PDB file of N, CA and C in Angstrom:
ATOM      1  N   MET A   1     -28.908 161.884-151.481  1.00  0.00           N
ATOM      2  CA  MET A   1     -29.297 160.981-152.541  1.00  0.00           C
ATOM      3  C   MET A   1     -30.678 160.424-152.221  1.00  0.00           C
ATOM      4  N   VAL A   2     -31.506 160.371-153.226  1.00  0.00           N
ATOM      5  CA  VAL A   2     -32.851 159.831-153.082  1.00  0.00           C
ATOM      6  C   VAL A   2     -32.854 158.419-153.639  1.00  0.00           C
ATOM      7  N   CYS A   3     -33.394 157.484-152.884  1.00  0.00           N
ATOM      8  CA  CYS A   3     -33.513 156.096-153.346  1.00  0.00           C
ATOM      9  C   CYS A   3     -34.973 155.829-153.702  1.00  0.00           C
ATOM     10  N   VAL A   4     -35.188 155.261-154.877  1.00  0.00           N
ATOM     11  CA  VAL A   4     -36.529 154.980-155.364  1.00  0.00           C
ATOM     12  C   VAL A   4     -36.570 153.528-155.834  1.00  0.00           C
ATOM     13  N   ASN A   5     -37.639 152.836-155.524  1.00  0.00           N
ATOM     14  CA  ASN A   5     -37.841 151.475-155.997  1.00  0.00           C
ATOM     15  C   ASN A   5     -37.856 151.476-157.525  1.00  0.00           C
ATOM     16  N   VAL A   6     -37.092 150.568-158.125  1.00  0.00           N
ATOM     17  CA  VAL A   6     -36.946 150.534-159.584  1.00  0.00           C
ATOM     18  C   VAL A   6     -38.282 150.332-160.282  1.00  0.00           C
ATOM     19  N   GLU A   7     -39.104 149.434-159.788  1.00  0.00           N
ATOM     20  CA  GLU A   7     -40.389 149.178-160.446  1.00  0.00           C
ATOM     21  C   GLU A   7     -41.324 150.383-160.344  1.00  0.00           C
ATOM     22  N   ARG A   8     -41.269 151.079-159.232  1.00  0.00           N
ATOM     23  CA  ARG A   8     -42.079 152.308-159.109  1.00  0.00           C
ATOM     24  C   ARG A   8     -41.591 153.366-160.083  1.00  0.00           C
ATOM     25  N   LEU A   9     -40.260 153.447-160.247  1.00  0.00           N
ATOM     26  CA  LEU A   9     -39.687 154.415-161.185  1.00  0.00           C
ATOM     27  C   LEU A   9     -40.093 154.082-162.617  1.00  0.00           C
ATOM     28  N   ARG A  10     -40.027 152.793-162.979  1.00  0.00           N
ATOM     29  CA  ARG A  10     -40.468 152.377-164.319  1.00  0.00           C
ATOM     30  C   ARG A  10     -41.940 152.732-164.538  1.00  0.00           C
ATOM     31  N   GLY A  11     -42.754 152.451-163.528  1.00  0.00           N
ATOM     32  CA  GLY A  11     -44.178 152.754-163.634  1.00  0.00           C
ATOM     33  C   GLY A  11     -44.452 154.237-163.782  1.00  0.00           C
ATOM     34  N   ALA A  12     -43.738 155.036-163.011  1.00  0.00           N
ATOM     35  CA  ALA A  12     -43.923 156.495-163.082  1.00  0.00           C
ATOM     36  C   ALA A  12     -43.477 157.021-164.447  1.00  0.00           C
ATOM     37  N   ALA A  13     -42.314 156.564-164.906  1.00  0.00           N
ATOM     38  CA  ALA A  13     -41.811 157.015-166.210  1.00  0.00           C
ATOM     39  C   ALA A  13     -42.761 156.591-167.324  1.00  0.00           C
ATOM     40  N   GLY A  14     -43.235 155.358-167.277  1.00  0.00           N
ATOM     41  CA  GLY A  14     -44.183 154.885-168.279  1.00  0.00           C
ATOM     42  C   GLY A  14     -45.479 155.672-168.240  1.00  0.00           C
ATOM     43  N   GLY A  15     -45.950 155.981-167.044  1.00  0.00           N
ATOM     44  CA  GLY A  15     -47.173 156.769-166.900  1.00  0.00           C
ATOM     45  C   GLY A  15     -47.041 158.158-167.492  1.00  0.00           C
ATOM     46  N   ILE A  16     -45.885 158.758-167.312  1.00  0.00           N
ATOM     47  CA  ILE A  16     -45.654 160.097-167.880  1.00  0.00           C
ATOM     48  C   ILE A  16     -45.688 160.025-169.399  1.00  0.00           C
ATOM     49  N   TYR A  17     -45.035 159.018-169.969  1.00  0.00           N
ATOM     50  CA  TYR A  17     -45.050 158.888-171.429  1.00  0.00           C
ATOM     51  C   TYR A  17     -46.436 158.572-171.967  1.00  0.00           C
ATOM     52  N   LYS A  18     -47.212 157.790-171.234  1.00  0.00           N
ATOM     53  CA  LYS A  18     -48.599 157.548-171.661  1.00  0.00           C
ATOM     54  C   LYS A  18     -49.383 158.856-171.649  1.00  0.00           C
ATOM     55  N   HIS A  19     -49.150 159.667-170.626  1.00  0.00           N
ATOM     56  CA  HIS A  19     -49.823 160.972-170.541  1.00  0.00           C
ATOM     57  C   HIS A  19     -49.417 161.868-171.715  1.00  0.00           C
ATOM     58  N   MET A  20     -48.177 161.704-172.183  1.00  0.00           N
ATOM     59  CA  MET A  20     -47.689 162.506-173.313  1.00  0.00           C
ATOM     60  C   MET A  20     -48.227 161.996-174.645  1.00  0.00           C
ATOM     61  N   GLY A  21     -48.882 160.803-174.649  1.00  0.00           N
ATOM     62  CA  GLY A  21     -49.496 160.298-175.869  1.00  0.00           C
ATOM     63  C   GLY A  21     -49.018 158.947-176.338  1.00  0.00           C
ATOM     64  N   ALA A  22     -48.051 158.358-175.641  1.00  0.00           N
ATOM     65  CA  ALA A  22     -47.550 157.040-176.044  1.00  0.00           C
ATOM     66  C   ALA A  22     -48.574 155.963-175.707  1.00  0.00           C
ATOM     67  N   VAL A  23     -48.555 154.888-176.475  1.00  0.00           N
ATOM     68  CA  VAL A  23     -49.391 153.731-176.146  1.00  0.00           C
ATOM     69  C   VAL A  23     -48.668 152.912-175.080  1.00  0.00           C
ATOM     70  N   GLU A  24     -49.384 151.969-174.453  1.00  0.00           N
ATOM     71  CA  GLU A  24     -48.861 151.200-173.319  1.00  0.00           C
ATOM     72  C   GLU A  24     -47.501 150.560-173.589  1.00  0.00           C
ATOM     73  N   GLU A  25     -47.394 149.803-174.686  1.00  0.00           N
ATOM     74  CA  GLU A  25     -46.138 149.102-174.996  1.00  0.00           C
ATOM     75  C   GLU A  25     -44.992 150.082-175.217  1.00  0.00           C
ATOM     76  N   GLU A  26     -45.260 151.140-175.955  1.00  0.00           N
ATOM     77  CA  GLU A  26     -44.241 152.155-176.239  1.00  0.00           C
ATOM     78  C   GLU A  26     -43.771 152.820-174.950  1.00  0.00           C
ATOM     79  N   ALA A  27     -44.706 153.194-174.102  1.00  0.00           N
ATOM     80  CA  ALA A  27     -44.367 153.841-172.835  1.00  0.00           C
ATOM     81  C   ALA A  27     -43.504 152.922-171.973  1.00  0.00           C
ATOM     82  N   ALA A  28     -43.821 151.634-171.958  1.00  0.00           N
ATOM     83  CA  ALA A  28     -43.044 150.679-171.164  1.00  0.00           C
ATOM     84  C   ALA A  28     -41.624 150.530-171.702  1.00  0.00           C
ATOM     85  N   VAL A  29     -41.473 150.477-173.026  1.00  0.00           N
ATOM     86  CA  VAL A  29     -40.135 150.342-173.627  1.00  0.00           C
ATOM     87  C   VAL A  29     -39.296 151.583-173.340  1.00  0.00           C
ATOM     88  N   VAL A  30     -39.880 152.765-173.522  1.00  0.00           N
ATOM     89  CA  VAL A  30     -39.144 154.002-173.267  1.00  0.00           C
ATOM     90  C   VAL A  30     -38.756 154.079-171.788  1.00  0.00           C
ATOM     91  N   ALA A  31     -39.685 153.758-170.904  1.00  0.00           N
ATOM     92  CA  ALA A  31     -39.391 153.784-169.468  1.00  0.00           C
ATOM     93  C   ALA A  31     -38.270 152.815-169.125  1.00  0.00           C
ATOM     94  N   ASP A  32     -38.315 151.610-169.679  1.00  0.00           N
ATOM     95  CA  ASP A  32     -37.256 150.629-169.437  1.00  0.00           C
ATOM     96  C   ASP A  32     -35.893 151.158-169.883  1.00  0.00           C
ATOM     97  N   CYS A  33     -35.847 151.753-171.066  1.00  0.00           N
ATOM     98  CA  CYS A  33     -34.579 152.287-171.580  1.00  0.00           C
ATOM     99  C   CYS A  33     -34.039 153.397-170.689  1.00  0.00           C
ATOM    100  N   LEU A  34     -34.905 154.300-170.262  1.00  0.00           N
ATOM    101  CA  LEU A  34     -34.455 155.413-169.428  1.00  0.00           C
ATOM    102  C   LEU A  34     -33.988 154.943-168.059  1.00  0.00           C
ATOM    103  N   VAL A  35     -34.717 154.020-167.463  1.00  0.00           N
ATOM    104  CA  VAL A  35     -34.335 153.498-166.149  1.00  0.00           C
ATOM    105  C   VAL A  35     -33.028 152.716-166.252  1.00  0.00           C
ATOM    106  N   GLU A  36     -32.889 151.881-167.277  1.00  0.00           N
ATOM    107  CA  GLU A  36     -31.649 151.118-167.459  1.00  0.00           C
ATOM    108  C   GLU A  36     -30.457 152.046-167.656  1.00  0.00           C
ATOM    109  N   ALA A  37     -30.633 153.099-168.449  1.00  0.00           N
ATOM    110  CA  ALA A  37     -29.545 154.060-168.649  1.00  0.00           C
ATOM    111  C   ALA A  37     -29.142 154.668-167.318  1.00  0.00           C
ATOM    112  N   HIS A  38     -30.124 155.035-166.525  1.00  0.00           N
ATOM    113  CA  HIS A  38     -29.863 155.635-165.221  1.00  0.00           C
ATOM    114  C   HIS A  38     -29.145 154.652-164.296  1.00  0.00           C
ATOM    115  N   LEU A  39     -29.608 153.407-164.273  1.00  0.00           N
ATOM    116  CA  LEU A  39     -29.019 152.398-163.390  1.00  0.00           C
ATOM    117  C   LEU A  39     -27.591 152.038-163.772  1.00  0.00           C
ATOM    118  N   THR A  40     -27.247 152.198-165.036  1.00  0.00           N
ATOM    119  CA  THR A  40     -25.892 151.863-165.472  1.00  0.00           C
ATOM    120  C   THR A  40     -24.966 153.073-165.451  1.00  0.00           C
ATOM    121  N   GLY A  41     -25.430 154.178-164.888  1.00  0.00           N
ATOM    122  CA  GLY A  41     -24.574 155.339-164.695  1.00  0.00           C
ATOM    123  C   GLY A  41     -24.603 156.372-165.804  1.00  0.00           C
ATOM    124  N   HIS A  42     -25.509 156.211-166.755  1.00  0.00           N
ATOM    125  CA  HIS A  42     -25.626 157.181-167.851  1.00  0.00           C
ATOM    126  C   HIS A  42     -26.780 158.138-167.539  1.00  0.00           C
ATOM    127  N   ASP A  43     -26.604 158.903-166.482  1.00  0.00           N
ATOM    128  CA  ASP A  43     -27.682 159.767-166.001  1.00  0.00           C
ATOM    129  C   ASP A  43     -28.184 160.747-167.054  1.00  0.00           C
ATOM    130  N   SER A  44     -27.288 161.227-167.910  1.00  0.00           N
ATOM    131  CA  SER A  44     -27.692 162.202-168.926  1.00  0.00           C
ATOM    132  C   SER A  44     -28.676 161.606-169.930  1.00  0.00           C
ATOM    133  N   HIS A  45     -28.723 160.293-170.022  1.00  0.00           N
ATOM    134  CA  HIS A  45     -29.652 159.625-170.933  1.00  0.00           C
ATOM    135  C   HIS A  45     -30.699 158.824-170.153  1.00  0.00           C
ATOM    136  N   GLY A  46     -30.804 159.088-168.867  1.00  0.00           N
ATOM    137  CA  GLY A  46     -31.710 158.357-167.999  1.00  0.00           C
ATOM    138  C   GLY A  46     -33.006 159.098-167.735  1.00  0.00           C
ATOM    139  N   VAL A  47     -33.562 158.860-166.558  1.00  0.00           N
ATOM    140  CA  VAL A  47     -34.894 159.366-166.238  1.00  0.00           C
ATOM    141  C   VAL A  47     -34.966 160.882-166.156  1.00  0.00           C
ATOM    142  N   LYS A  48     -33.834 161.542-165.943  1.00  0.00           N
ATOM    143  CA  LYS A  48     -33.902 163.005-165.874  1.00  0.00           C
ATOM    144  C   LYS A  48     -34.268 163.624-167.221  1.00  0.00           C
ATOM    145  N   SER A  49     -34.111 162.863-168.309  1.00  0.00           N
ATOM    146  CA  SER A  49     -34.471 163.404-169.621  1.00  0.00           C
ATOM    147  C   SER A  49     -35.985 163.523-169.798  1.00  0.00           C
ATOM    148  N   ILE A  50     -36.768 162.847-168.965  1.00  0.00           N
ATOM    149  CA  ILE A  50     -38.226 162.955-169.064  1.00  0.00           C
ATOM    150  C   ILE A  50     -38.662 164.405-168.892  1.00  0.00           C
ATOM    151  N   ARG A  51     -38.138 165.042-167.878  1.00  0.00           N
ATOM    152  CA  ARG A  51     -38.497 166.445-167.629  1.00  0.00           C
ATOM    153  C   ARG A  51     -38.036 167.339-168.782  1.00  0.00           C
ATOM    154  N   LEU A  52     -36.815 167.098-169.258  1.00  0.00           N
ATOM    155  CA  LEU A  52     -36.286 167.880-170.373  1.00  0.00           C
ATOM    156  C   LEU A  52     -37.179 167.740-171.600  1.00  0.00           C
ATOM    157  N   TYR A  53     -37.538 166.499-171.954  1.00  0.00           N
ATOM    158  CA  TYR A  53     -38.410 166.280-173.112  1.00  0.00           C
ATOM    159  C   TYR A  53     -39.753 166.970-172.922  1.00  0.00           C
ATOM    160  N   GLY A  54     -40.340 166.815-171.747  1.00  0.00           N
ATOM    161  CA  GLY A  54     -41.645 167.436-171.474  1.00  0.00           C
ATOM    162  C   GLY A  54     -41.598 168.945-171.566  1.00  0.00           C
ATOM    163  N   ASP A  55     -40.569 169.542-170.973  1.00  0.00           N
ATOM    164  CA  ASP A  55     -40.418 170.999-171.026  1.00  0.00           C
ATOM    165  C   ASP A  55     -40.231 171.486-172.461  1.00  0.00           C
ATOM    166  N   GLN A  56     -39.382 170.790-173.210  1.00  0.00           N
ATOM    167  CA  GLN A  56     -39.132 171.206-174.586  1.00  0.00           C
ATOM    168  C   GLN A  56     -40.365 171.027-175.468  1.00  0.00           C
ATOM    169  N   MET A  57     -41.139 169.972-175.232  1.00  0.00           N
ATOM    170  CA  MET A  57     -42.378 169.791-175.989  1.00  0.00           C
ATOM    171  C   MET A  57     -43.363 170.908-175.676  1.00  0.00           C
ATOM    172  N   ALA A  58     -43.501 171.249-174.390  1.00  0.00           N
ATOM    173  CA  ALA A  58     -44.442 172.293-173.971  1.00  0.00           C
ATOM    174  C   ALA A  58     -44.073 173.656-174.571  1.00  0.00           C
ATOM    175  N   ARG A  59     -42.788 173.894-174.749  1.00  0.00           N
ATOM    176  CA  ARG A  59     -42.333 175.170-175.302  1.00  0.00           C
ATOM    177  C   ARG A  59     -42.237 175.153-176.824  1.00  0.00           C
ATOM    178  N   GLY A  60     -42.587 174.033-177.433  1.00  0.00           N
ATOM    179  CA  GLY A  60     -42.561 173.935-178.882  1.00  0.00           C
ATOM    180  C   GLY A  60     -41.164 173.770-179.464  1.00  0.00           C
ATOM    181  N   LEU A  61     -40.201 173.382-178.638  1.00  0.00           N
ATOM    182  CA  LEU A  61     -38.822 173.233-179.096  1.00  0.00           C
ATOM    183  C   LEU A  61     -38.503 171.807-179.544  1.00  0.00           C
ATOM    184  N   LEU A  62     -39.368 170.882-179.223  1.00  0.00           N
ATOM    185  CA  LEU A  62     -39.133 169.478-179.559  1.00  0.00           C
ATOM    186  C   LEU A  62     -40.398 168.908-180.153  1.00  0.00           C
ATOM    187  N   GLU A  63     -40.275 168.369-181.352  1.00  0.00           N
ATOM    188  CA  GLU A  63     -41.408 167.705-181.983  1.00  0.00           C
ATOM    189  C   GLU A  63     -41.248 166.214-181.710  1.00  0.00           C
ATOM    190  N   PHE A  64     -42.164 165.678-180.967  1.00  0.00           N
ATOM    191  CA  PHE A  64     -42.109 164.291-180.544  1.00  0.00           C
ATOM    192  C   PHE A  64     -43.467 163.702-180.850  1.00  0.00           C
ATOM    193  N   ASN A  65     -43.580 162.942-181.920  1.00  0.00           N
ATOM    194  CA  ASN A  65     -44.867 162.362-182.297  1.00  0.00           C
ATOM    195  C   ASN A  65     -45.110 161.075-181.524  1.00  0.00           C
ATOM    196  N   LEU A  66     -46.095 161.101-180.672  1.00  0.00           N
ATOM    197  CA  LEU A  66     -46.484 159.919-179.912  1.00  0.00           C
ATOM    198  C   LEU A  66     -47.947 159.623-180.227  1.00  0.00           C
ATOM    199  N   PRO A  67     -48.330 158.392-180.439  1.00  0.00           N
ATOM    200  CA  PRO A  67     -47.467 157.227-180.436  1.00  0.00           C
ATOM    201  C   PRO A  67     -46.533 157.222-181.639  1.00  0.00           C
ATOM    202  N   THR A  68     -45.408 156.549-181.473  1.00  0.00           N
ATOM    203  CA  THR A  68     -44.386 156.473-182.504  1.00  0.00           C
ATOM    204  C   THR A  68     -44.827 155.553-183.630  1.00  0.00           C
ATOM    205  N   THR A  69     -44.590 156.002-184.843  1.00  0.00           N
ATOM    206  CA  THR A  69     -44.813 155.145-186.001  1.00  0.00           C
ATOM    207  C   THR A  69     -43.491 155.045-186.756  1.00  0.00           C
ATOM    208  N   MET A  70     -43.189 153.879-187.233  1.00  0.00           N
ATOM    209  CA  MET A  70     -41.935 153.679-187.941  1.00  0.00           C
ATOM    210  C   MET A  70     -42.240 153.071-189.300  1.00  0.00           C
ATOM    211  N   GLU A  71     -41.511 153.537-190.308  1.00  0.00           N
ATOM    212  CA  GLU A  71     -41.664 153.003-191.649  1.00  0.00           C
ATOM    213  C   GLU A  71     -40.309 152.520-192.142  1.00  0.00           C
ATOM    214  N   VAL A  72     -40.305 151.406-192.837  1.00  0.00           N
ATOM    215  CA  VAL A  72     -39.085 150.903-193.458  1.00  0.00           C
ATOM    216  C   VAL A  72     -38.938 151.604-194.809  1.00  0.00           C
ATOM    217  N   GLU A  73     -37.903 152.415-194.933  1.00  0.00           N
ATOM    218  CA  GLU A  73     -37.663 153.144-196.181  1.00  0.00           C
ATOM    219  C   GLU A  73     -36.962 152.250-197.202  1.00  0.00           C
ATOM    220  N   ARG A  74     -35.952 151.497-196.725  1.00  0.00           N
ATOM    221  CA  ARG A  74     -35.214 150.560-197.584  1.00  0.00           C
ATOM    222  C   ARG A  74     -34.902 149.324-196.771  1.00  0.00           C
ATOM    223  N   ASP A  75     -35.049 148.186-197.383  1.00  0.00           N
ATOM    224  CA  ASP A  75     -34.760 146.916-196.712  1.00  0.00           C
ATOM    225  C   ASP A  75     -33.803 146.133-197.597  1.00  0.00           C
ATOM    226  N   LEU A  76     -32.537 146.063-197.162  1.00  0.00           N
ATOM    227  CA  LEU A  76     -31.496 145.377-197.917  1.00  0.00           C
ATOM    228  C   LEU A  76     -31.006 144.177-197.114  1.00  0.00           C
ATOM    229  N   PRO A  77     -30.286 143.260-197.735  1.00  0.00           N
ATOM    230  CA  PRO A  77     -29.845 142.056-197.010  1.00  0.00           C
ATOM    231  C   PRO A  77     -29.045 142.339-195.735  1.00  0.00           C
ATOM    232  N   ALA A  78     -28.213 143.351-195.727  1.00  0.00           N
ATOM    233  CA  ALA A  78     -27.347 143.600-194.568  1.00  0.00           C
ATOM    234  C   ALA A  78     -27.728 144.844-193.773  1.00  0.00           C
ATOM    235  N   MET A  79     -28.768 145.544-194.183  1.00  0.00           N
ATOM    236  CA  MET A  79     -29.153 146.760-193.467  1.00  0.00           C
ATOM    237  C   MET A  79     -30.574 147.165-193.826  1.00  0.00           C
ATOM    238  N   ALA A  80     -31.079 148.079-193.042  1.00  0.00           N
ATOM    239  CA  ALA A  80     -32.382 148.670-193.339  1.00  0.00           C
ATOM    240  C   ALA A  80     -32.319 150.145-193.003  1.00  0.00           C
ATOM    241  N   MET A  81     -33.065 150.956-193.734  1.00  0.00           N
ATOM    242  CA  MET A  81     -33.174 152.375-193.439  1.00  0.00           C
ATOM    243  C   MET A  81     -34.592 152.597-192.904  1.00  0.00           C
ATOM    244  N   LEU A  82     -34.666 153.107-191.669  1.00  0.00           N
ATOM    245  CA  LEU A  82     -35.953 153.293-191.015  1.00  0.00           C
ATOM    246  C   LEU A  82     -36.253 154.758-190.844  1.00  0.00           C
ATOM    247  N   ASN A  83     -37.524 155.129-190.941  1.00  0.00           N
ATOM    248  CA  ASN A  83     -37.990 156.481-190.685  1.00  0.00           C
ATOM    249  C   ASN A  83     -38.835 156.439-189.421  1.00  0.00           C
ATOM    250  N   GLY A  84     -38.348 157.060-188.363  1.00  0.00           N
ATOM    251  CA  GLY A  84     -39.044 157.058-187.084  1.00  0.00           C
ATOM    252  C   GLY A  84     -40.096 158.133-186.940  1.00  0.00           C
ATOM    253  N   ASN A  85     -40.246 159.015-187.939  1.00  0.00           N
ATOM    254  CA  ASN A  85     -41.296 160.040-187.938  1.00  0.00           C
ATOM    255  C   ASN A  85     -41.344 160.858-186.647  1.00  0.00           C
ATOM    256  N   TYR A  86     -40.176 161.250-186.160  1.00  0.00           N
ATOM    257  CA  TYR A  86     -40.061 162.072-184.945  1.00  0.00           C
ATOM    258  C   TYR A  86     -40.679 161.438-183.710  1.00  0.00           C
ATOM    259  N   GLY A  87     -40.667 160.122-183.667  1.00  0.00           N
ATOM    260  CA  GLY A  87     -41.185 159.411-182.504  1.00  0.00           C
ATOM    261  C   GLY A  87     -40.112 159.187-181.468  1.00  0.00           C
ATOM    262  N   ALA A  88     -40.442 158.431-180.456  1.00  0.00           N
ATOM    263  CA  ALA A  88     -39.489 158.112-179.396  1.00  0.00           C
ATOM    264  C   ALA A  88     -38.442 157.156-179.951  1.00  0.00           C
ATOM    265  N   GLY A  89     -37.215 157.594-180.021  1.00  0.00           N
ATOM    266  CA  GLY A  89     -36.143 156.792-180.583  1.00  0.00           C
ATOM    267  C   GLY A  89     -35.893 155.517-179.807  1.00  0.00           C
ATOM    268  N   HIS A  90     -36.196 155.529-178.532  1.00  0.00           N
ATOM    269  CA  HIS A  90     -36.024 154.340-177.693  1.00  0.00           C
ATOM    270  C   HIS A  90     -36.882 153.196-178.219  1.00  0.00           C
ATOM    271  N   TYR A  91     -38.057 153.543-178.683  1.00  0.00           N
ATOM    272  CA  TYR A  91     -39.019 152.543-179.133  1.00  0.00           C
ATOM    273  C   TYR A  91     -38.642 152.050-180.506  1.00  0.00           C
TER     274      TYR A  91
END
């Protein structure tokens, strides 16, 4: 088992997402979500997905628009319909 400092892991994950095209805030939110998932035992949704996303983007199998833009399609009193435009769902 490899032990890594949590803050270093967040920084590395955020840096990778910035390199992929995310803006600072977006990269930090995505990194936080992935690290938290990993720390709570949801490894399949944690930091290991960074490599999967990167590989799939490089091979043209995943369309991931970074930075993420979101539009409100419908805004109702009890719900909203959002369009994430193929951005990072974490954000």
